[in-house]
Amino acid sequence: MSRDNCDNSSTAVLAFLAGTVVGAAIALLTAPKTGQETREMLADYGAELKDRAKTLPDDFQEYKETAIERSKEMIAKGKELISRGTDLAAQGKDFLDEKKRTLSEAIEAGKIAMQEEREALAHKLEDKD
């Protein structure tokens, strides 16, 4: 569960509880009931609110556990991606090192071949003289 979902769920629960309290207050103010009826209604609302409040810690614990589990999964996935990236970077470095070595060998072979041709040309020019 993402953090946004936890935040949204927490907000929804708190909004629900606030709505219950506001609704009870409006009902008390607008309902033409006797004092006894009003006290009974208040007791009922209080009991209902108490029951709902008891489930809140469980709900929040569930949200927390879900968030922790999701975080662990994301961390594990991140570590896996970092490991794969590191391996790919090492493979790329090895590839470039091999190409660099091959290129250096080719340049060195070209220098030697050029020196040999220069010497062979110099001998031909000396033989003509």
C-alpha atoms as a PDB file:
ATOM      1  CA  MET A   1       0.000   0.000   0.000  1.00  0.00           C
ATOM      2  CA  SER A   2       1.425   3.346  -0.909  1.00  0.00           C
ATOM      3  CA  ARG A   3       1.848   6.186   1.501  1.00  0.00           C
ATOM      4  CA  ASP A   4      -0.908   8.115  -0.267  1.00  0.00           C
ATOM      5  CA  ASN A   5      -3.354   5.254   0.320  1.00  0.00           C
ATOM      6  CA  CYS A   6      -2.470   5.144   4.035  1.00  0.00           C
ATOM      7  CA  ASP A   7      -2.861   8.905   4.304  1.00  0.00           C
ATOM      8  CA  ASN A   8      -6.164   8.801   2.428  1.00  0.00           C
ATOM      9  CA  SER A   9      -7.464   5.948   4.600  1.00  0.00           C
ATOM     10  CA  SER A  10      -6.461   7.700   7.813  1.00  0.00           C
ATOM     11  CA  THR A  11      -8.074  10.901   6.614  1.00  0.00           C
ATOM     12  CA  ALA A  12     -11.241   9.028   5.675  1.00  0.00           C
ATOM     13  CA  VAL A  13     -11.495   7.375   9.095  1.00  0.00           C
ATOM     14  CA  LEU A  14     -10.954  10.664  10.911  1.00  0.00           C
ATOM     15  CA  ALA A  15     -13.445  12.440   8.638  1.00  0.00           C
ATOM     16  CA  PHE A  16     -15.987   9.705   9.305  1.00  0.00           C
ATOM     17  CA  LEU A  17     -15.582  10.088  13.059  1.00  0.00           C
ATOM     18  CA  ALA A  18     -15.790  13.870  12.837  1.00  0.00           C
ATOM     19  CA  GLY A  19     -18.940  13.541  10.713  1.00  0.00           C
ATOM     20  CA  THR A  20     -20.478  11.264  13.302  1.00  0.00           C
ATOM     21  CA  VAL A  21     -19.867  13.801  16.069  1.00  0.00           C
ATOM     22  CA  VAL A  22     -21.152  16.714  13.986  1.00  0.00           C
ATOM     23  CA  GLY A  23     -24.202  14.712  12.930  1.00  0.00           C
ATOM     24  CA  ALA A  24     -24.974  13.833  16.541  1.00  0.00           C
ATOM     25  CA  ALA A  25     -24.660  17.467  17.606  1.00  0.00           C
ATOM     26  CA  ILE A  26     -27.001  18.649  14.831  1.00  0.00           C
ATOM     27  CA  ALA A  27     -29.489  15.918  15.697  1.00  0.00           C
ATOM     28  CA  LEU A  28     -29.484  17.003  19.330  1.00  0.00           C
ATOM     29  CA  LEU A  29     -29.992  20.630  18.495  1.00  0.00           C
ATOM     30  CA  THR A  30     -32.778  20.124  15.976  1.00  0.00           C
ATOM     31  CA  ALA A  31     -34.697  17.179  17.422  1.00  0.00           C
ATOM     32  CA  PRO A  32     -37.614  18.002  19.725  1.00  0.00           C
ATOM     33  CA  LYS A  33     -37.010  15.311  22.344  1.00  0.00           C
ATOM     34  CA  THR A  34     -37.301  15.156  26.088  1.00  0.00           C
ATOM     35  CA  GLY A  35     -34.259  15.298  28.319  1.00  0.00           C
ATOM     36  CA  GLN A  36     -34.448  11.554  28.974  1.00  0.00           C
ATOM     37  CA  GLU A  37     -34.635  10.753  25.262  1.00  0.00           C
ATOM     38  CA  THR A  38     -31.727  13.107  24.563  1.00  0.00           C
ATOM     39  CA  ARG A  39     -29.594  11.472  27.290  1.00  0.00           C
ATOM     40  CA  GLU A  40     -30.384   8.023  25.894  1.00  0.00           C
ATOM     41  CA  MET A  41     -29.529   9.191  22.400  1.00  0.00           C
ATOM     42  CA  LEU A  42     -26.254  10.671  23.679  1.00  0.00           C
ATOM     43  CA  ALA A  43     -25.452   7.413  25.459  1.00  0.00           C
ATOM     44  CA  ASP A  44     -26.112   5.491  22.225  1.00  0.00           C
ATOM     45  CA  TYR A  45     -23.901   7.832  20.217  1.00  0.00           C
ATOM     46  CA  GLY A  46     -21.222   7.592  22.870  1.00  0.00           C
ATOM     47  CA  ALA A  47     -21.315   3.795  22.831  1.00  0.00           C
ATOM     48  CA  GLU A  48     -21.200   3.728  19.036  1.00  0.00           C
ATOM     49  CA  LEU A  49     -18.300   6.170  18.971  1.00  0.00           C
ATOM     50  CA  LYS A  50     -16.496   4.116  21.608  1.00  0.00           C
ATOM     51  CA  ASP A  51     -16.939   0.940  19.542  1.00  0.00           C
ATOM     52  CA  ARG A  52     -15.627   2.648  16.424  1.00  0.00           C
ATOM     53  CA  ALA A  53     -12.689   4.120  18.325  1.00  0.00           C
ATOM     54  CA  LYS A  54     -11.729   0.627  19.543  1.00  0.00           C
ATOM     55  CA  THR A  55     -11.196  -0.546  15.960  1.00  0.00           C
ATOM     56  CA  LEU A  56      -8.976   2.422  15.065  1.00  0.00           C
ATOM     57  CA  PRO A  57      -5.762   1.049  16.605  1.00  0.00           C
ATOM     58  CA  ASP A  58      -6.273  -2.216  14.717  1.00  0.00           C
ATOM     59  CA  ASP A  59      -6.904  -0.332  11.480  1.00  0.00           C
ATOM     60  CA  PHE A  60      -3.837   1.838  11.944  1.00  0.00           C
ATOM     61  CA  GLN A  61      -1.747  -1.210  12.893  1.00  0.00           C
ATOM     62  CA  GLU A  62      -2.874  -2.922   9.696  1.00  0.00           C
ATOM     63  CA  TYR A  63      -2.008   0.155   7.639  1.00  0.00           C
ATOM     64  CA  LYS A  64       1.380   0.387   9.357  1.00  0.00           C
ATOM     65  CA  GLU A  65       2.175  -3.293   8.752  1.00  0.00           C
ATOM     66  CA  THR A  66       1.121  -3.028   5.123  1.00  0.00           C
ATOM     67  CA  ALA A  67       3.237   0.084   4.654  1.00  0.00           C
ATOM     68  CA  ILE A  68       6.248  -1.556   6.311  1.00  0.00           C
ATOM     69  CA  GLU A  69       5.905  -4.686   4.168  1.00  0.00           C
ATOM     70  CA  ARG A  70       5.580  -2.608   0.997  1.00  0.00           C
ATOM     71  CA  SER A  71       8.619  -0.558   2.002  1.00  0.00           C
ATOM     72  CA  LYS A  72      10.651  -3.718   2.532  1.00  0.00           C
ATOM     73  CA  GLU A  73       9.606  -4.985  -0.899  1.00  0.00           C
ATOM     74  CA  MET A  74      10.575  -1.690  -2.514  1.00  0.00           C
ATOM     75  CA  ILE A  75      13.957  -1.658  -0.748  1.00  0.00           C
ATOM     76  CA  ALA A  76      14.653  -5.229  -1.877  1.00  0.00           C
ATOM     77  CA  LYS A  77      13.687  -4.320  -5.456  1.00  0.00           C
ATOM     78  CA  GLY A  78      15.902  -1.231  -5.287  1.00  0.00           C
ATOM     79  CA  LYS A  79      18.848  -3.302  -4.071  1.00  0.00           C
ATOM     80  CA  GLU A  80      18.256  -5.788  -6.884  1.00  0.00           C
ATOM     81  CA  LEU A  81      18.188  -2.985  -9.473  1.00  0.00           C
ATOM     82  CA  ILE A  82      21.358  -1.448  -8.046  1.00  0.00           C
ATOM     83  CA  SER A  83      23.070  -4.829  -8.186  1.00  0.00           C
ATOM     84  CA  ARG A  84      21.997  -5.361 -11.805  1.00  0.00           C
ATOM     85  CA  GLY A  85      23.141  -1.850 -12.693  1.00  0.00           C
ATOM     86  CA  THR A  86      26.512  -2.444 -11.050  1.00  0.00           C
ATOM     87  CA  ASP A  87      26.923  -5.716 -12.956  1.00  0.00           C
ATOM     88  CA  LEU A  88      26.019  -4.044 -16.251  1.00  0.00           C
ATOM     89  CA  ALA A  89      28.441  -1.190 -15.562  1.00  0.00           C
ATOM     90  CA  ALA A  90      31.219  -3.718 -14.828  1.00  0.00           C
ATOM     91  CA  GLN A  91      30.430  -5.580 -18.052  1.00  0.00           C
ATOM     92  CA  GLY A  92      30.516  -2.314 -19.994  1.00  0.00           C
ATOM     93  CA  LYS A  93      33.862  -1.375 -18.432  1.00  0.00           C
ATOM     94  CA  ASP A  94      35.301  -4.810 -19.296  1.00  0.00           C
ATOM     95  CA  PHE A  95      34.042  -4.448 -22.875  1.00  0.00           C
ATOM     96  CA  LEU A  96      35.589  -0.982 -23.233  1.00  0.00           C
ATOM     97  CA  ASP A  97      38.868  -2.155 -21.682  1.00  0.00           C
ATOM     98  CA  GLU A  98      39.029  -5.023 -24.191  1.00  0.00           C
ATOM     99  CA  LYS A  99      38.327  -2.694 -27.135  1.00  0.00           C
ATOM    100  CA  LYS A 100      40.914  -0.222 -25.845  1.00  0.00           C
ATOM    101  CA  ARG A 101      43.506  -3.016 -25.577  1.00  0.00           C
ATOM    102  CA  THR A 102      42.660  -4.252 -29.083  1.00  0.00           C
ATOM    103  CA  LEU A 103      42.928  -0.721 -30.478  1.00  0.00           C
ATOM    104  CA  SER A 104      46.261  -0.137 -28.716  1.00  0.00           C
ATOM    105  CA  GLU A 105      47.624  -3.399 -30.138  1.00  0.00           C
ATOM    106  CA  ALA A 106      46.445  -2.409 -33.631  1.00  0.00           C
ATOM    107  CA  ILE A 107      48.110   1.015 -33.331  1.00  0.00           C
ATOM    108  CA  GLU A 108      51.349  -0.568 -32.120  1.00  0.00           C
ATOM    109  CA  ALA A 109      51.257  -3.109 -34.978  1.00  0.00           C
ATOM    110  CA  GLY A 110      50.671  -0.215 -37.415  1.00  0.00           C
ATOM    111  CA  LYS A 111      53.685   1.656 -36.029  1.00  0.00           C
ATOM    112  CA  ILE A 112      55.886  -1.410 -36.403  1.00  0.00           C
ATOM    113  CA  ALA A 113      54.619  -2.041 -39.949  1.00  0.00           C
ATOM    114  CA  MET A 114      55.220   1.605 -40.870  1.00  0.00           C
ATOM    115  CA  GLN A 115      58.756   1.474 -39.460  1.00  0.00           C
ATOM    116  CA  GLU A 116      59.463  -1.723 -41.423  1.00  0.00           C
ATOM    117  CA  GLU A 117      58.134  -0.134 -44.627  1.00  0.00           C
ATOM    118  CA  ARG A 118      60.178   2.992 -44.010  1.00  0.00           C
ATOM    119  CA  GLU A 119      63.332   0.875 -43.575  1.00  0.00           C
ATOM    120  CA  ALA A 120      62.504  -1.216 -46.671  1.00  0.00           C
ATOM    121  CA  LEU A 121      61.953   1.955 -48.715  1.00  0.00           C
ATOM    122  CA  ALA A 122      65.196   3.410 -47.414  1.00  0.00           C
ATOM    123  CA  HIS A 123      67.075   0.264 -48.516  1.00  0.00           C
ATOM    124  CA  LYS A 124      65.506   0.430 -51.979  1.00  0.00           C
ATOM    125  CA  LEU A 125      66.505   4.061 -52.306  1.00  0.00           C
ATOM    126  CA  GLU A 126      70.078   3.256 -51.215  1.00  0.00           C
ATOM    127  CA  ASP A 127      70.299   0.379 -53.675  1.00  0.00           C
ATOM    128  CA  LYS A 128      69.310   2.681 -56.546  1.00  0.00           C
ATOM    129  CA  ASP A 129      72.076   5.114 -55.653  1.00  0.00           C
END
